[in-house]
Amino acid sequence: MKRLQVYPAPEITVTFDPNVCKHSGVCLMTLPAVFDVRRARWIDVDAAAADRIADAIDRCPSGALKYYRNASRDPDAADRLKAAVDANAKALADAADGSPGER
């Protein structure tokens, strides 16, 4: 089980769940300036406008990529992001101690 990766920016926060990714490469082909696996932090949320990033993420076939808008455009985004991070942390803890948890 791998940790959820979080990439924040003023207008949009992107998350990547490596446990869900099917490595189709759609994100890499759709917006290579943002999604580049040659970088250590392979998602650069400052490399394109938030709307373009959201459009690219909407094409992700596995759902491994998600985005959360800033509070003015999406008031519930912070709560959904926290829930996603907390769920991933719980799954990691369950995997570490052998608990069945939700997988």
C-alpha atoms as a PDB file:
ATOM      1  CA  MET A   1       0.000   0.000   0.000  1.00  0.00           C
ATOM      2  CA  LYS A   2       1.385   3.396  -1.017  1.00  0.00           C
ATOM      3  CA  ARG A   3       0.678   6.855   0.371  1.00  0.00           C
ATOM      4  CA  LEU A   4      -1.684   9.258  -1.401  1.00  0.00           C
ATOM      5  CA  GLN A   5       0.339  11.995  -3.114  1.00  0.00           C
ATOM      6  CA  VAL A   6      -0.967  15.554  -2.704  1.00  0.00           C
ATOM      7  CA  TYR A   7       0.052  18.472  -4.948  1.00  0.00           C
ATOM      8  CA  PRO A   8      -1.443  21.788  -3.741  1.00  0.00           C
ATOM      9  CA  ALA A   9      -1.675  25.073  -5.644  1.00  0.00           C
ATOM     10  CA  PRO A  10      -3.693  28.233  -4.972  1.00  0.00           C
ATOM     11  CA  GLU A  11      -6.537  27.363  -7.382  1.00  0.00           C
ATOM     12  CA  ILE A  12      -6.463  23.568  -7.413  1.00  0.00           C
ATOM     13  CA  THR A  13      -5.092  20.661  -5.403  1.00  0.00           C
ATOM     14  CA  VAL A  14      -4.337  17.416  -7.221  1.00  0.00           C
ATOM     15  CA  THR A  15      -4.123  14.017  -5.587  1.00  0.00           C
ATOM     16  CA  PHE A  16      -2.678  10.834  -7.021  1.00  0.00           C
ATOM     17  CA  ASP A  17      -3.414   7.407  -5.568  1.00  0.00           C
ATOM     18  CA  PRO A  18      -0.680   5.037  -6.785  1.00  0.00           C
ATOM     19  CA  ASN A  19      -2.725   2.094  -5.488  1.00  0.00           C
ATOM     20  CA  VAL A  20      -5.442   2.806  -8.055  1.00  0.00           C
ATOM     21  CA  CYS A  21      -3.394   3.867 -11.099  1.00  0.00           C
ATOM     22  CA  LYS A  22      -3.493   1.524 -14.111  1.00  0.00           C
ATOM     23  CA  HIS A  23      -0.589   3.328 -15.878  1.00  0.00           C
ATOM     24  CA  SER A  24      -2.554   4.045 -19.037  1.00  0.00           C
ATOM     25  CA  GLY A  25      -0.508   7.206 -19.639  1.00  0.00           C
ATOM     26  CA  VAL A  26      -3.546   9.309 -20.529  1.00  0.00           C
ATOM     27  CA  CYS A  27      -2.421  12.094 -18.178  1.00  0.00           C
ATOM     28  CA  LEU A  28       1.105  12.080 -19.624  1.00  0.00           C
ATOM     29  CA  MET A  29      -0.198  12.384 -23.172  1.00  0.00           C
ATOM     30  CA  THR A  30      -2.927  14.901 -22.351  1.00  0.00           C
ATOM     31  CA  LEU A  31      -0.862  17.442 -20.420  1.00  0.00           C
ATOM     32  CA  PRO A  32       2.859  16.542 -20.425  1.00  0.00           C
ATOM     33  CA  ALA A  33       3.932  19.886 -18.925  1.00  0.00           C
ATOM     34  CA  VAL A  34       2.034  18.989 -15.746  1.00  0.00           C
ATOM     35  CA  PHE A  35       2.405  15.199 -15.671  1.00  0.00           C
ATOM     36  CA  ASP A  36       6.018  14.098 -16.164  1.00  0.00           C
ATOM     37  CA  VAL A  37       7.279  10.902 -14.517  1.00  0.00           C
ATOM     38  CA  ARG A  38      10.898  11.969 -15.029  1.00  0.00           C
ATOM     39  CA  ARG A  39      10.508  14.454 -12.161  1.00  0.00           C
ATOM     40  CA  ALA A  40      10.645  13.410  -8.499  1.00  0.00           C
ATOM     41  CA  ARG A  41       7.425  15.380  -7.874  1.00  0.00           C
ATOM     42  CA  TRP A  42       5.929  14.240 -11.138  1.00  0.00           C
ATOM     43  CA  ILE A  43       2.872  16.509 -11.014  1.00  0.00           C
ATOM     44  CA  ASP A  44       3.599  20.230 -11.435  1.00  0.00           C
ATOM     45  CA  VAL A  45       0.345  22.039 -10.677  1.00  0.00           C
ATOM     46  CA  ASP A  46       1.945  25.369 -11.576  1.00  0.00           C
ATOM     47  CA  ALA A  47       2.688  24.300 -15.159  1.00  0.00           C
ATOM     48  CA  ALA A  48      -0.845  24.904 -16.527  1.00  0.00           C
ATOM     49  CA  ALA A  49      -4.093  26.647 -15.711  1.00  0.00           C
ATOM     50  CA  ALA A  50      -6.342  24.933 -13.173  1.00  0.00           C
ATOM     51  CA  ASP A  51      -9.083  24.378 -15.778  1.00  0.00           C
ATOM     52  CA  ARG A  52      -6.661  22.574 -18.105  1.00  0.00           C
ATOM     53  CA  ILE A  53      -5.430  20.396 -15.245  1.00  0.00           C
ATOM     54  CA  ALA A  54      -9.008  19.541 -14.256  1.00  0.00           C
ATOM     55  CA  ASP A  55      -9.838  18.625 -17.870  1.00  0.00           C
ATOM     56  CA  ALA A  56      -6.806  16.310 -18.042  1.00  0.00           C
ATOM     57  CA  ILE A  57      -7.706  14.659 -14.738  1.00  0.00           C
ATOM     58  CA  ASP A  58     -11.281  14.123 -15.909  1.00  0.00           C
ATOM     59  CA  ARG A  59      -9.804  11.876 -18.620  1.00  0.00           C
ATOM     60  CA  CYS A  60      -8.025   9.592 -16.112  1.00  0.00           C
ATOM     61  CA  PRO A  61      -9.582   6.166 -16.750  1.00  0.00           C
ATOM     62  CA  SER A  62      -8.687   4.652 -13.363  1.00  0.00           C
ATOM     63  CA  GLY A  63      -9.681   7.528 -11.097  1.00  0.00           C
ATOM     64  CA  ALA A  64      -6.217   7.587  -9.528  1.00  0.00           C
ATOM     65  CA  LEU A  65      -6.026  11.328 -10.199  1.00  0.00           C
ATOM     66  CA  LYS A  66      -8.495  13.635  -8.497  1.00  0.00           C
ATOM     67  CA  TYR A  67      -8.697  17.381  -8.073  1.00  0.00           C
ATOM     68  CA  TYR A  68     -10.164  19.752  -5.539  1.00  0.00           C
ATOM     69  CA  ARG A  69     -10.873  23.398  -6.409  1.00  0.00           C
ATOM     70  CA  ASN A  70     -10.109  26.304  -4.125  1.00  0.00           C
ATOM     71  CA  ALA A  71     -12.702  27.214  -1.510  1.00  0.00           C
ATOM     72  CA  SER A  72     -14.325  30.012  -3.483  1.00  0.00           C
ATOM     73  CA  ARG A  73     -15.222  27.691  -6.383  1.00  0.00           C
ATOM     74  CA  ASP A  74     -15.841  24.565  -4.333  1.00  0.00           C
ATOM     75  CA  PRO A  75     -16.550  25.180  -0.621  1.00  0.00           C
ATOM     76  CA  ASP A  76     -16.570  21.446   0.225  1.00  0.00           C
ATOM     77  CA  ALA A  77     -13.239  20.679  -1.466  1.00  0.00           C
ATOM     78  CA  ALA A  78     -11.142  20.965   1.695  1.00  0.00           C
ATOM     79  CA  ASP A  79     -13.391  18.484   3.524  1.00  0.00           C
ATOM     80  CA  ARG A  80     -13.293  15.989   0.641  1.00  0.00           C
ATOM     81  CA  LEU A  81      -9.499  16.313   0.379  1.00  0.00           C
ATOM     82  CA  LYS A  82      -9.094  15.739   4.127  1.00  0.00           C
ATOM     83  CA  ALA A  83     -11.372  12.683   3.925  1.00  0.00           C
ATOM     84  CA  ALA A  84      -9.303  11.234   1.057  1.00  0.00           C
ATOM     85  CA  VAL A  85      -6.016  11.778   2.919  1.00  0.00           C
ATOM     86  CA  ASP A  86      -7.461  10.350   6.156  1.00  0.00           C
ATOM     87  CA  ALA A  87      -8.835   7.268   4.365  1.00  0.00           C
ATOM     88  CA  ASN A  88      -5.458   6.628   2.763  1.00  0.00           C
ATOM     89  CA  ALA A  89      -3.661   7.036   6.118  1.00  0.00           C
ATOM     90  CA  LYS A  90      -6.056   4.543   7.713  1.00  0.00           C
ATOM     91  CA  ALA A  91      -5.502   2.044   4.900  1.00  0.00           C
ATOM     92  CA  LEU A  92      -1.739   2.419   5.308  1.00  0.00           C
ATOM     93  CA  ALA A  93      -2.004   1.868   9.054  1.00  0.00           C
ATOM     94  CA  ASP A  94      -4.252  -1.160   8.569  1.00  0.00           C
ATOM     95  CA  ALA A  95      -1.826  -2.623   6.027  1.00  0.00           C
ATOM     96  CA  ALA A  96       1.110  -2.066   8.386  1.00  0.00           C
ATOM     97  CA  ASP A  97      -0.517  -3.810  11.346  1.00  0.00           C
ATOM     98  CA  GLY A  98      -2.205  -6.575   9.363  1.00  0.00           C
ATOM     99  CA  SER A  99      -5.745  -5.351   9.975  1.00  0.00           C
ATOM    100  CA  PRO A 100      -8.146  -6.185   7.162  1.00  0.00           C
ATOM    101  CA  GLY A 101      -9.481  -2.611   6.779  1.00  0.00           C
ATOM    102  CA  GLU A 102     -10.952  -1.529   3.450  1.00  0.00           C
ATOM    103  CA  ARG A 103      -8.751  -2.321   0.481  1.00  0.00           C
END
